[in-house]
PDB file of all heavy atoms in Angstrom:
ATOM      1  N   SER A   1      -8.623 -11.446   7.689  1.00  0.00           N
ATOM      2  CA  SER A   1      -8.038 -10.777   8.855  1.00  0.00           C
ATOM      3  C   SER A   1      -6.911  -9.835   8.456  1.00  0.00           C
ATOM      4  O   SER A   1      -6.785  -8.738   9.002  1.00  0.00           O
ATOM      5  CB  SER A   1      -7.507 -11.816   9.849  1.00  0.00           C
ATOM      6  OG  SER A   1      -8.547 -12.605  10.338  1.00  0.00           O
ATOM      7  N   ILE A   2      -6.092 -10.257   7.498  1.00  0.00           N
ATOM      8  CA  ILE A   2      -5.000  -9.410   7.023  1.00  0.00           C
ATOM      9  C   ILE A   2      -5.564  -8.149   6.360  1.00  0.00           C
ATOM     10  O   ILE A   2      -5.129  -7.033   6.645  1.00  0.00           O
ATOM     11  CB  ILE A   2      -4.087 -10.185   6.054  1.00  0.00           C
ATOM     12  CG1 ILE A   2      -3.316 -11.269   6.814  1.00  0.00           C
ATOM     13  CG2 ILE A   2      -3.121  -9.238   5.344  1.00  0.00           C
ATOM     14  CD1 ILE A   2      -2.558 -12.232   5.931  1.00  0.00           C
ATOM     15  N   VAL A   3      -6.567  -8.323   5.504  1.00  0.00           N
ATOM     16  CA  VAL A   3      -7.165  -7.172   4.808  1.00  0.00           C
ATOM     17  C   VAL A   3      -7.849  -6.237   5.803  1.00  0.00           C
ATOM     18  O   VAL A   3      -7.721  -5.009   5.705  1.00  0.00           O
ATOM     19  CB  VAL A   3      -8.151  -7.654   3.723  1.00  0.00           C
ATOM     20  CG1 VAL A   3      -8.924  -6.481   3.147  1.00  0.00           C
ATOM     21  CG2 VAL A   3      -7.404  -8.388   2.625  1.00  0.00           C
ATOM     22  N   ASP A   4      -8.559  -6.796   6.789  1.00  0.00           N
ATOM     23  CA  ASP A   4      -9.228  -5.968   7.799  1.00  0.00           C
ATOM     24  C   ASP A   4      -8.215  -5.142   8.588  1.00  0.00           C
ATOM     25  O   ASP A   4      -8.431  -3.951   8.832  1.00  0.00           O
ATOM     26  CB  ASP A   4     -10.050  -6.831   8.747  1.00  0.00           C
ATOM     27  CG  ASP A   4     -11.301  -7.398   8.107  1.00  0.00           C
ATOM     28  OD1 ASP A   4     -11.692  -6.917   7.017  1.00  0.00           O
ATOM     29  OD2 ASP A   4     -11.894  -8.339   8.691  1.00  0.00           O
ATOM     30  N   ALA A   5      -7.119  -5.768   8.993  1.00  0.00           N
ATOM     31  CA  ALA A   5      -6.096  -5.046   9.763  1.00  0.00           C
ATOM     32  C   ALA A   5      -5.476  -3.933   8.917  1.00  0.00           C
ATOM     33  O   ALA A   5      -5.270  -2.821   9.405  1.00  0.00           O
ATOM     34  CB  ALA A   5      -5.020  -6.015  10.236  1.00  0.00           C
ATOM     35  N   LEU A   6      -5.198  -4.217   7.654  1.00  0.00           N
ATOM     36  CA  LEU A   6      -4.620  -3.191   6.784  1.00  0.00           C
ATOM     37  C   LEU A   6      -5.592  -2.044   6.556  1.00  0.00           C
ATOM     38  O   LEU A   6      -5.194  -0.883   6.506  1.00  0.00           O
ATOM     39  CB  LEU A   6      -4.194  -3.801   5.451  1.00  0.00           C
ATOM     40  CG  LEU A   6      -2.978  -4.730   5.510  1.00  0.00           C
ATOM     41  CD1 LEU A   6      -2.794  -5.436   4.178  1.00  0.00           C
ATOM     42  CD2 LEU A   6      -1.736  -3.968   5.899  1.00  0.00           C
ATOM     43  N   SER A   7      -6.882  -2.354   6.439  1.00  0.00           N
ATOM     44  CA  SER A   7      -7.869  -1.291   6.218  1.00  0.00           C
ATOM     45  C   SER A   7      -8.011  -0.392   7.447  1.00  0.00           C
ATOM     46  O   SER A   7      -8.410   0.758   7.317  1.00  0.00           O
ATOM     47  CB  SER A   7      -9.223  -1.887   5.824  1.00  0.00           C
ATOM     48  OG  SER A   7      -9.785  -2.585   6.910  1.00  0.00           O
ATOM     49  N   ARG A   8      -7.674  -0.919   8.620  1.00  0.00           N
ATOM     50  CA  ARG A   8      -7.679  -0.103   9.839  1.00  0.00           C
ATOM     51  C   ARG A   8      -6.368   0.654  10.008  1.00  0.00           C
ATOM     52  O   ARG A   8      -6.172   1.374  10.986  1.00  0.00           O
ATOM     53  CB  ARG A   8      -7.910  -0.988  11.067  1.00  0.00           C
ATOM     54  CG  ARG A   8      -9.296  -1.568  11.167  1.00  0.00           C
ATOM     55  CD  ARG A   8      -9.529  -2.227  12.529  1.00  0.00           C
ATOM     56  NE  ARG A   8      -8.560  -3.259  12.844  1.00  0.00           N
ATOM     57  CZ  ARG A   8      -8.689  -4.551  12.555  1.00  0.00           C
ATOM     58  NH1 ARG A   8      -9.762  -4.974  11.928  1.00  0.00           N
ATOM     59  NH2 ARG A   8      -7.756  -5.419  12.891  1.00  0.00           N
ATOM     60  N   GLY A   9      -5.418   0.467   9.088  1.00  0.00           N
ATOM     61  CA  GLY A   9      -4.144   1.167   9.152  1.00  0.00           C
ATOM     62  C   GLY A   9      -3.098   0.452   9.978  1.00  0.00           C
ATOM     63  O   GLY A   9      -2.046   1.018  10.273  1.00  0.00           O
ATOM     64  N   GLU A  10      -3.371  -0.790  10.357  1.00  0.00           N
ATOM     65  CA  GLU A  10      -2.417  -1.543  11.165  1.00  0.00           C
ATOM     66  C   GLU A  10      -1.385  -2.234  10.293  1.00  0.00           C
ATOM     67  O   GLU A  10      -1.619  -2.513   9.130  1.00  0.00           O
ATOM     68  CB  GLU A  10      -3.157  -2.609  11.988  1.00  0.00           C
ATOM     69  CG  GLU A  10      -4.145  -2.044  12.971  1.00  0.00           C
ATOM     70  CD  GLU A  10      -4.956  -3.123  13.660  1.00  0.00           C
ATOM     71  OE1 GLU A  10      -4.622  -4.312  13.515  1.00  0.00           O
ATOM     72  OE2 GLU A  10      -5.936  -2.779  14.329  1.00  0.00           O
ATOM     73  N   LYS A  11      -0.248  -2.523  10.886  1.00  0.00           N
ATOM     74  CA  LYS A  11       0.811  -3.269  10.216  1.00  0.00           C
ATOM     75  C   LYS A  11       0.609  -4.747  10.545  1.00  0.00           C
ATOM     76  O   LYS A  11       0.286  -5.101  11.685  1.00  0.00           O
ATOM     77  CB  LYS A  11       2.172  -2.789  10.721  1.00  0.00           C
ATOM     78  CG  LYS A  11       3.354  -3.521  10.176  1.00  0.00           C
ATOM     79  CD  LYS A  11       4.666  -2.868  10.580  1.00  0.00           C
ATOM     80  CE  LYS A  11       4.956  -3.101  12.035  1.00  0.00           C
ATOM     81  NZ  LYS A  11       6.338  -2.741  12.401  1.00  0.00           N
ATOM     82  N   VAL A  12       0.762  -5.630   9.555  1.00  0.00           N
ATOM     83  CA  VAL A  12       0.620  -7.070   9.765  1.00  0.00           C
ATOM     84  C   VAL A  12       2.000  -7.697   9.626  1.00  0.00           C
ATOM     85  O   VAL A  12       2.604  -7.653   8.558  1.00  0.00           O
ATOM     86  CB  VAL A  12      -0.359  -7.690   8.751  1.00  0.00           C
ATOM     87  CG1 VAL A  12      -0.448  -9.189   8.940  1.00  0.00           C
ATOM     88  CG2 VAL A  12      -1.727  -7.047   8.857  1.00  0.00           C
ATOM     89  N   GLU A  13       2.489  -8.252  10.733  1.00  0.00           N
ATOM     90  CA  GLU A  13       3.823  -8.854  10.738  1.00  0.00           C
ATOM     91  C   GLU A  13       3.690 -10.353  10.955  1.00  0.00           C
ATOM     92  O   GLU A  13       3.185 -10.807  11.980  1.00  0.00           O
ATOM     93  CB  GLU A  13       4.662  -8.238  11.852  1.00  0.00           C
ATOM     94  CG  GLU A  13       6.070  -8.748  11.889  1.00  0.00           C
ATOM     95  CD  GLU A  13       6.915  -8.038  12.935  1.00  0.00           C
ATOM     96  OE1 GLU A  13       6.550  -6.928  13.346  1.00  0.00           O
ATOM     97  OE2 GLU A  13       7.927  -8.626  13.335  1.00  0.00           O
ATOM     98  N   LEU A  14       4.140 -11.122   9.982  1.00  0.00           N
ATOM     99  CA  LEU A  14       4.144 -12.579  10.067  1.00  0.00           C
ATOM    100  C   LEU A  14       5.611 -13.004  10.162  1.00  0.00           C
ATOM    101  O   LEU A  14       6.348 -12.913   9.179  1.00  0.00           O
ATOM    102  CB  LEU A  14       3.467 -13.197   8.846  1.00  0.00           C
ATOM    103  CG  LEU A  14       2.031 -12.705   8.588  1.00  0.00           C
ATOM    104  CD1 LEU A  14       1.541 -13.189   7.238  1.00  0.00           C
ATOM    105  CD2 LEU A  14       1.117 -13.154   9.697  1.00  0.00           C
ATOM    106  N   ARG A  15       6.018 -13.460  11.323  1.00  0.00           N
ATOM    107  CA  ARG A  15       7.422 -13.799  11.565  1.00  0.00           C
ATOM    108  C   ARG A  15       7.951 -14.759  10.509  1.00  0.00           C
ATOM    109  O   ARG A  15       7.284 -15.714  10.124  1.00  0.00           O
ATOM    110  CB  ARG A  15       7.589 -14.439  12.942  1.00  0.00           C
ATOM    111  CG  ARG A  15       7.196 -13.539  14.066  1.00  0.00           C
ATOM    112  CD  ARG A  15       8.357 -12.693  14.489  1.00  0.00           C
ATOM    113  NE  ARG A  15       7.905 -11.859  15.608  1.00  0.00           N
ATOM    114  CZ  ARG A  15       8.389 -10.682  15.849  1.00  0.00           C
ATOM    115  NH1 ARG A  15       9.320 -10.191  15.089  1.00  0.00           N
ATOM    116  NH2 ARG A  15       7.958  -9.987  16.858  1.00  0.00           N
ATOM    117  N   ASN A  16       9.146 -14.513  10.055  1.00  0.00           N
ATOM    118  CA  ASN A  16       9.860 -15.298   9.043  1.00  0.00           C
ATOM    119  C   ASN A  16       9.195 -15.279   7.677  1.00  0.00           C
ATOM    120  O   ASN A  16       9.671 -15.923   6.750  1.00  0.00           O
ATOM    121  CB  ASN A  16      10.061 -16.753   9.493  1.00  0.00           C
ATOM    122  CG  ASN A  16      10.916 -16.849  10.725  1.00  0.00           C
ATOM    123  OD1 ASN A  16      11.848 -16.078  10.893  1.00  0.00           O
ATOM    124  ND2 ASN A  16      10.592 -17.769  11.600  1.00  0.00           N
ATOM    125  N   PHE A  17       8.063 -14.589   7.534  1.00  0.00           N
ATOM    126  CA  PHE A  17       7.406 -14.482   6.233  1.00  0.00           C
ATOM    127  C   PHE A  17       7.562 -13.075   5.690  1.00  0.00           C
ATOM    128  O   PHE A  17       8.122 -12.873   4.625  1.00  0.00           O
ATOM    129  CB  PHE A  17       5.928 -14.860   6.337  1.00  0.00           C
ATOM    130  CG  PHE A  17       5.222 -14.829   5.017  1.00  0.00           C
ATOM    131  CD1 PHE A  17       5.436 -15.817   4.070  1.00  0.00           C
ATOM    132  CD2 PHE A  17       4.350 -13.796   4.713  1.00  0.00           C
ATOM    133  CE1 PHE A  17       4.799 -15.783   2.848  1.00  0.00           C
ATOM    134  CE2 PHE A  17       3.704 -13.750   3.490  1.00  0.00           C
ATOM    135  CZ  PHE A  17       3.933 -14.751   2.559  1.00  0.00           C
ATOM    136  N   GLY A  18       7.060 -12.089   6.450  1.00  0.00           N
ATOM    137  CA  GLY A  18       7.201 -10.720   6.008  1.00  0.00           C
ATOM    138  C   GLY A  18       6.239  -9.778   6.699  1.00  0.00           C
ATOM    139  O   GLY A  18       5.482 -10.168   7.582  1.00  0.00           O
ATOM    140  N   ILE A  19       6.264  -8.531   6.251  1.00  0.00           N
ATOM    141  CA  ILE A  19       5.446  -7.476   6.845  1.00  0.00           C
ATOM    142  C   ILE A  19       4.618  -6.807   5.746  1.00  0.00           C
ATOM    143  O   ILE A  19       5.156  -6.406   4.712  1.00  0.00           O
ATOM    144  CB  ILE A  19       6.327  -6.416   7.533  1.00  0.00           C
ATOM    145  CG1 ILE A  19       7.141  -7.052   8.659  1.00  0.00           C
ATOM    146  CG2 ILE A  19       5.487  -5.264   8.059  1.00  0.00           C
ATOM    147  CD1 ILE A  19       8.186  -6.120   9.238  1.00  0.00           C
ATOM    148  N   PHE A  20       3.314  -6.707   5.983  1.00  0.00           N
ATOM    149  CA  PHE A  20       2.416  -5.955   5.116  1.00  0.00           C
ATOM    150  C   PHE A  20       2.106  -4.651   5.830  1.00  0.00           C
ATOM    151  O   PHE A  20       1.816  -4.650   7.027  1.00  0.00           O
ATOM    152  CB  PHE A  20       1.083  -6.692   4.910  1.00  0.00           C
ATOM    153  CG  PHE A  20       1.197  -7.980   4.174  1.00  0.00           C
ATOM    154  CD1 PHE A  20       1.328  -9.183   4.851  1.00  0.00           C
ATOM    155  CD2 PHE A  20       1.137  -8.006   2.792  1.00  0.00           C
ATOM    156  CE1 PHE A  20       1.405 -10.379   4.172  1.00  0.00           C
ATOM    157  CE2 PHE A  20       1.216  -9.203   2.099  1.00  0.00           C
ATOM    158  CZ  PHE A  20       1.357 -10.391   2.791  1.00  0.00           C
ATOM    159  N   LYS A  21       2.172  -3.529   5.108  1.00  0.00           N
ATOM    160  CA  LYS A  21       1.772  -2.260   5.709  1.00  0.00           C
ATOM    161  C   LYS A  21       1.261  -1.320   4.628  1.00  0.00           C
ATOM    162  O   LYS A  21       1.474  -1.541   3.436  1.00  0.00           O
ATOM    163  CB  LYS A  21       2.900  -1.626   6.513  1.00  0.00           C
ATOM    164  CG  LYS A  21       4.133  -1.265   5.736  1.00  0.00           C
ATOM    165  CD  LYS A  21       5.178  -0.707   6.700  1.00  0.00           C
ATOM    166  CE  LYS A  21       6.462  -0.423   5.959  1.00  0.00           C
ATOM    167  NZ  LYS A  21       7.481   0.134   6.834  1.00  0.00           N
ATOM    168  N   ILE A  22       0.571  -0.274   5.070  1.00  0.00           N
ATOM    169  CA  ILE A  22       0.002   0.722   4.178  1.00  0.00           C
ATOM    170  C   ILE A  22       0.983   1.883   4.060  1.00  0.00           C
ATOM    171  O   ILE A  22       1.528   2.349   5.059  1.00  0.00           O
ATOM    172  CB  ILE A  22      -1.350   1.244   4.730  1.00  0.00           C
ATOM    173  CG1 ILE A  22      -2.353   0.104   4.857  1.00  0.00           C
ATOM    174  CG2 ILE A  22      -1.897   2.364   3.871  1.00  0.00           C
ATOM    175  CD1 ILE A  22      -2.811  -0.455   3.551  1.00  0.00           C
ATOM    176  N   LYS A  23       1.184   2.339   2.845  1.00  0.00           N
ATOM    177  CA  LYS A  23       2.061   3.480   2.609  1.00  0.00           C
ATOM    178  C   LYS A  23       1.273   4.520   1.812  1.00  0.00           C
ATOM    179  O   LYS A  23       0.530   4.173   0.900  1.00  0.00           O
ATOM    180  CB  LYS A  23       3.285   3.023   1.826  1.00  0.00           C
ATOM    181  CG  LYS A  23       4.426   3.983   1.847  1.00  0.00           C
ATOM    182  CD  LYS A  23       5.681   3.332   1.312  1.00  0.00           C
ATOM    183  CE  LYS A  23       6.853   4.204   1.647  1.00  0.00           C
ATOM    184  NZ  LYS A  23       8.108   3.595   1.284  1.00  0.00           N
ATOM    185  N   SER A  24       1.432   5.765   2.166  1.00  0.00           N
ATOM    186  CA  SER A  24       0.755   6.850   1.459  1.00  0.00           C
ATOM    187  C   SER A  24       1.629   7.361   0.325  1.00  0.00           C
ATOM    188  O   SER A  24       2.819   7.629   0.523  1.00  0.00           O
ATOM    189  CB  SER A  24       0.442   8.005   2.407  1.00  0.00           C
ATOM    190  OG  SER A  24      -0.458   7.584   3.395  1.00  0.00           O
ATOM    191  N   ARG A  25       1.041   7.481  -0.831  1.00  0.00           N
ATOM    192  CA  ARG A  25       1.741   8.054  -1.983  1.00  0.00           C
ATOM    193  C   ARG A  25       1.256   9.490  -2.137  1.00  0.00           C
ATOM    194  O   ARG A  25       0.049   9.757  -2.087  1.00  0.00           O
ATOM    195  CB  ARG A  25       1.421   7.284  -3.266  1.00  0.00           C
ATOM    196  CG  ARG A  25       1.792   5.837  -3.224  1.00  0.00           C
ATOM    197  CD  ARG A  25       3.255   5.660  -3.517  1.00  0.00           C
ATOM    198  NE  ARG A  25       3.547   4.244  -3.668  1.00  0.00           N
ATOM    199  CZ  ARG A  25       4.640   3.682  -3.249  1.00  0.00           C
ATOM    200  NH1 ARG A  25       5.563   4.401  -2.667  1.00  0.00           N
ATOM    201  NH2 ARG A  25       4.837   2.400  -3.412  1.00  0.00           N
ATOM    202  N   ARG A  26       2.172  10.409  -2.336  1.00  0.00           N
ATOM    203  CA  ARG A  26       1.777  11.812  -2.466  1.00  0.00           C
ATOM    204  C   ARG A  26       1.284  12.112  -3.878  1.00  0.00           C
ATOM    205  O   ARG A  26       1.485  11.320  -4.803  1.00  0.00           O
ATOM    206  CB  ARG A  26       2.921  12.722  -2.084  1.00  0.00           C
ATOM    207  CG  ARG A  26       4.131  12.523  -2.950  1.00  0.00           C
ATOM    208  CD  ARG A  26       5.326  13.253  -2.373  1.00  0.00           C
ATOM    209  NE  ARG A  26       6.478  12.741  -3.071  1.00  0.00           N
ATOM    210  CZ  ARG A  26       7.327  13.485  -3.749  1.00  0.00           C
ATOM    211  NH1 ARG A  26       7.183  14.784  -3.771  1.00  0.00           N
ATOM    212  NH2 ARG A  26       8.327  12.955  -4.382  1.00  0.00           N
ATOM    213  N   GLN A  27       0.675  13.257  -4.006  1.00  0.00           N
ATOM    214  CA  GLN A  27       0.180  13.691  -5.315  1.00  0.00           C
ATOM    215  C   GLN A  27       1.367  13.959  -6.237  1.00  0.00           C
ATOM    216  O   GLN A  27       2.415  14.417  -5.805  1.00  0.00           O
ATOM    217  CB  GLN A  27      -0.645  14.968  -5.164  1.00  0.00           C
ATOM    218  CG  GLN A  27      -1.236  15.438  -6.459  1.00  0.00           C
ATOM    219  CD  GLN A  27      -2.154  16.625  -6.252  1.00  0.00           C
ATOM    220  OE1 GLN A  27      -2.515  16.945  -5.130  1.00  0.00           O
ATOM    221  NE2 GLN A  27      -2.525  17.278  -7.324  1.00  0.00           N
ATOM    222  N   ARG A  28       1.192  13.626  -7.522  1.00  0.00           N
ATOM    223  CA  ARG A  28       2.267  13.861  -8.477  1.00  0.00           C
ATOM    224  C   ARG A  28       1.668  14.096  -9.854  1.00  0.00           C
ATOM    225  O   ARG A  28       0.484  13.904 -10.063  1.00  0.00           O
ATOM    226  CB  ARG A  28       3.230  12.681  -8.524  1.00  0.00           C
ATOM    227  CG  ARG A  28       2.576  11.398  -9.001  1.00  0.00           C
ATOM    228  CD  ARG A  28       3.546  10.223  -8.969  1.00  0.00           C
ATOM    229  NE  ARG A  28       2.898   9.003  -9.378  1.00  0.00           N
ATOM    230  CZ  ARG A  28       2.734   8.579 -10.613  1.00  0.00           C
ATOM    231  NH1 ARG A  28       3.180   9.303 -11.624  1.00  0.00           N
ATOM    232  NH2 ARG A  28       2.122   7.448 -10.900  1.00  0.00           N
ATOM    233  N   MET A  29       2.516  14.480 -10.759  1.00  0.00           N
ATOM    234  CA  MET A  29       2.075  14.648 -12.140  1.00  0.00           C
ATOM    235  C   MET A  29       2.463  13.410 -12.930  1.00  0.00           C
ATOM    236  O   MET A  29       3.619  12.989 -12.928  1.00  0.00           O
ATOM    237  CB  MET A  29       2.728  15.885 -12.781  1.00  0.00           C
ATOM    238  CG  MET A  29       2.209  17.199 -12.232  1.00  0.00           C
ATOM    239  SD  MET A  29       0.431  17.392 -12.426  1.00  0.00           S
ATOM    240  CE  MET A  29       0.307  17.649 -14.169  1.00  0.00           C
ATOM    241  N   GLY A  30       1.470  12.801 -13.576  1.00  0.00           N
ATOM    242  CA  GLY A  30       1.703  11.643 -14.422  1.00  0.00           C
ATOM    243  C   GLY A  30       1.566  12.035 -15.879  1.00  0.00           C
ATOM    244  O   GLY A  30       1.421  13.210 -16.214  1.00  0.00           O
ATOM    245  N   ARG A  31       1.610  11.068 -16.758  1.00  0.00           N
ATOM    246  CA  ARG A  31       1.502  11.354 -18.183  1.00  0.00           C
ATOM    247  C   ARG A  31       0.581  10.320 -18.819  1.00  0.00           C
ATOM    248  O   ARG A  31       0.711   9.126 -18.596  1.00  0.00           O
ATOM    249  CB  ARG A  31       2.881  11.292 -18.825  1.00  0.00           C
ATOM    250  CG  ARG A  31       2.881  11.787 -20.253  1.00  0.00           C
ATOM    251  CD  ARG A  31       4.251  12.176 -20.724  1.00  0.00           C
ATOM    252  NE  ARG A  31       4.950  13.149 -19.915  1.00  0.00           N
ATOM    253  CZ  ARG A  31       4.742  14.464 -19.956  1.00  0.00           C
ATOM    254  NH1 ARG A  31       3.843  14.984 -20.760  1.00  0.00           N
ATOM    255  NH2 ARG A  31       5.444  15.281 -19.209  1.00  0.00           N
ATOM    256  N   ASN A  32      -0.365  10.789 -19.631  1.00  0.00           N
ATOM    257  CA  ASN A  32      -1.241   9.907 -20.374  1.00  0.00           C
ATOM    258  C   ASN A  32      -0.411   9.269 -21.497  1.00  0.00           C
ATOM    259  O   ASN A  32       0.104   9.970 -22.357  1.00  0.00           O
ATOM    260  CB  ASN A  32      -2.420  10.708 -20.954  1.00  0.00           C
ATOM    261  CG  ASN A  32      -3.415   9.839 -21.684  1.00  0.00           C
ATOM    262  OD1 ASN A  32      -3.080   8.771 -22.183  1.00  0.00           O
ATOM    263  ND2 ASN A  32      -4.645  10.300 -21.746  1.00  0.00           N
ATOM    264  N   PRO A  33      -0.290   7.922 -21.519  1.00  0.00           N
ATOM    265  CA  PRO A  33       0.575   7.306 -22.520  1.00  0.00           C
ATOM    266  C   PRO A  33       0.068   7.452 -23.958  1.00  0.00           C
ATOM    267  O   PRO A  33       0.849   7.435 -24.901  1.00  0.00           O
ATOM    268  CB  PRO A  33       0.619   5.841 -22.110  1.00  0.00           C
ATOM    269  CG  PRO A  33      -0.497   5.638 -21.186  1.00  0.00           C
ATOM    270  CD  PRO A  33      -0.844   6.966 -20.598  1.00  0.00           C
ATOM    271  N   ARG A  34      -1.226   7.629 -24.147  1.00  0.00           N
ATOM    272  CA  ARG A  34      -1.770   7.784 -25.505  1.00  0.00           C
ATOM    273  C   ARG A  34      -1.528   9.172 -26.073  1.00  0.00           C
ATOM    274  O   ARG A  34      -1.124   9.325 -27.221  1.00  0.00           O
ATOM    275  CB  ARG A  34      -3.268   7.510 -25.521  1.00  0.00           C
ATOM    276  CG  ARG A  34      -3.609   6.065 -25.393  1.00  0.00           C
ATOM    277  CD  ARG A  34      -5.068   5.846 -25.636  1.00  0.00           C
ATOM    278  NE  ARG A  34      -5.381   4.433 -25.455  1.00  0.00           N
ATOM    279  CZ  ARG A  34      -6.577   3.938 -25.530  1.00  0.00           C
ATOM    280  NH1 ARG A  34      -7.609   4.736 -25.762  1.00  0.00           N
ATOM    281  NH2 ARG A  34      -6.783   2.660 -25.357  1.00  0.00           N
ATOM    282  N   THR A  35      -1.801  10.173 -25.239  1.00  0.00           N
ATOM    283  CA  THR A  35      -1.716  11.551 -25.752  1.00  0.00           C
ATOM    284  C   THR A  35      -0.433  12.256 -25.345  1.00  0.00           C
ATOM    285  O   THR A  35      -0.071  13.259 -25.957  1.00  0.00           O
ATOM    286  CB  THR A  35      -2.909  12.378 -25.244  1.00  0.00           C
ATOM    287  OG1 THR A  35      -2.834  12.476 -23.813  1.00  0.00           O
ATOM    288  CG2 THR A  35      -4.226  11.757 -25.656  1.00  0.00           C
ATOM    289  N   GLY A  36       0.230  11.763 -24.305  1.00  0.00           N
ATOM    290  CA  GLY A  36       1.424  12.433 -23.818  1.00  0.00           C
ATOM    291  C   GLY A  36       1.112  13.628 -22.944  1.00  0.00           C
ATOM    292  O   GLY A  36       2.010  14.316 -22.483  1.00  0.00           O
TER     293      GLY A  36
END
């Protein structure tokens, strides 16, 4: 149920436990650790 709600973009709030939510990460430049 938690995974289904997150896949629909919903926030899952479990009182006194915590909140699971989806966050979008923007495009960025990374670095290949082997080649640099």
